[in-house]
Each structure stands twice: as C-alpha cells, then as structure tokens.
Amino acid sequence: MEAPRVSPVGVVETPNGYSRTPRELPPALRFGAAALLLVFGVVVVSTTVRSLARYCLTSQASAASPLQQD
C-alpha cells in the first residue's frame, strides 16, 4: 500500500484505494473567520476613505501657486 504524498507544487496526491476523510471545520470557526475578514475589509475601506477625504479637504489643488518665471 502506498501512502499519499505531496507534489512539489503542494497538491496532495492520493493513491488509488486509499481512503481519507475530508477535513471539516466547525461552523463557529467558519463564522469567526468570516467575521474577522469582514472587520478587516471594513477597516481598510473606512480608513482609505477617511484618509482620501482628509487629503482632498486639506490640499488646495485649485489654488496652486503659479510657477516662478524668470
């Protein structure tokens, strides 16, 4: 009987006749991971919007000083 092996790419190759059970994660862990991902996304988007809003409100792009001419 051959044992499963991992290819150089990282894929598990299971030989014929070898049975294995799929890994199941508990629903609480899945929910926690989804919540963490959601919080991360909200923080990234909100800080980006806040930073851009501050930059746009404090920069004076329309009143740029003219270039000095010799």
Protein backbone atom coordinates (compact mmCIF):
# COMPACT_ATOMS: atom_id res chain seq x y z
CA MET A 1 0.00 0.00 0.00
CA GLU A 2 1.31 3.43 -0.93
CA ALA A 3 0.96 6.43 1.30
CA PRO A 4 -0.28 9.77 0.00
CA ARG A 5 2.42 12.22 -1.00
CA VAL A 6 2.64 15.93 -1.59
CA SER A 7 3.78 17.01 -5.05
CA PRO A 8 6.40 19.77 -5.46
CA VAL A 9 3.55 22.16 -6.27
CA GLY A 10 1.86 21.42 -2.92
CA VAL A 11 -1.01 19.20 -4.09
CA VAL A 12 -1.73 16.03 -2.11
CA GLU A 13 -1.70 13.02 -4.41
CA THR A 14 -3.76 10.15 -3.03
CA PRO A 15 -3.09 6.69 -4.50
CA ASN A 16 -5.99 4.52 -5.72
CA GLY A 17 -7.61 2.51 -2.96
CA TYR A 18 -6.54 4.87 -0.21
CA SER A 19 -9.47 6.35 1.68
CA ARG A 20 -9.28 9.54 3.62
CA THR A 21 -11.85 11.76 5.27
CA PRO A 22 -12.17 15.39 4.21
CA ARG A 23 -11.37 17.99 6.81
CA GLU A 24 -14.46 19.71 8.13
CA LEU A 25 -14.15 22.89 10.13
CA PRO A 26 -16.72 23.68 12.82
CA PRO A 27 -19.34 26.30 11.91
CA ALA A 28 -18.21 28.55 14.79
CA LEU A 29 -14.69 28.68 13.38
CA ARG A 30 -16.00 29.43 9.89
CA PHE A 31 -18.21 32.20 11.25
CA GLY A 32 -15.30 33.65 13.24
CA ALA A 33 -13.05 33.67 10.19
CA ALA A 34 -15.75 35.33 8.06
CA ALA A 35 -16.38 37.95 10.76
CA LEU A 36 -12.67 38.69 11.05
CA LEU A 37 -12.39 39.06 7.28
CA LEU A 38 -15.41 41.36 7.24
CA VAL A 39 -13.99 43.55 10.02
CA PHE A 40 -10.65 43.75 8.21
CA GLY A 41 -12.37 44.80 4.99
CA VAL A 42 -14.47 47.45 6.72
CA VAL A 43 -11.42 48.91 8.47
CA VAL A 44 -9.40 49.01 5.25
CA VAL A 45 -12.17 50.71 3.28
CA SER A 46 -13.10 53.18 6.02
CA THR A 47 -9.52 54.28 6.72
CA THR A 48 -8.86 54.68 3.00
CA VAL A 49 -11.97 56.82 2.55
CA ARG A 50 -11.16 58.89 5.62
CA SER A 51 -7.57 59.42 4.51
CA LEU A 52 -8.59 60.44 0.99
CA ALA A 53 -11.27 62.75 2.33
CA ARG A 54 -8.79 64.47 4.63
CA TYR A 55 -6.29 64.85 1.81
CA CYS A 56 -8.88 66.28 -0.57
CA LEU A 57 -10.22 68.69 2.04
CA THR A 58 -6.82 69.96 3.14
CA SER A 59 -5.00 70.11 -0.18
CA GLN A 60 -5.52 73.21 -2.27
CA ALA A 61 -5.27 71.80 -5.73
CA SER A 62 -7.42 74.54 -7.24
CA ALA A 63 -5.32 77.31 -5.67
CA ALA A 64 -1.89 76.03 -6.63
CA SER A 65 0.76 78.69 -6.59
CA PRO A 66 1.93 79.69 -10.05
CA LEU A 67 5.38 78.62 -11.16
CA GLN A 68 8.04 81.24 -10.80
CA GLN A 69 9.01 82.70 -14.12
CA ASP A 70 12.42 84.22 -14.78
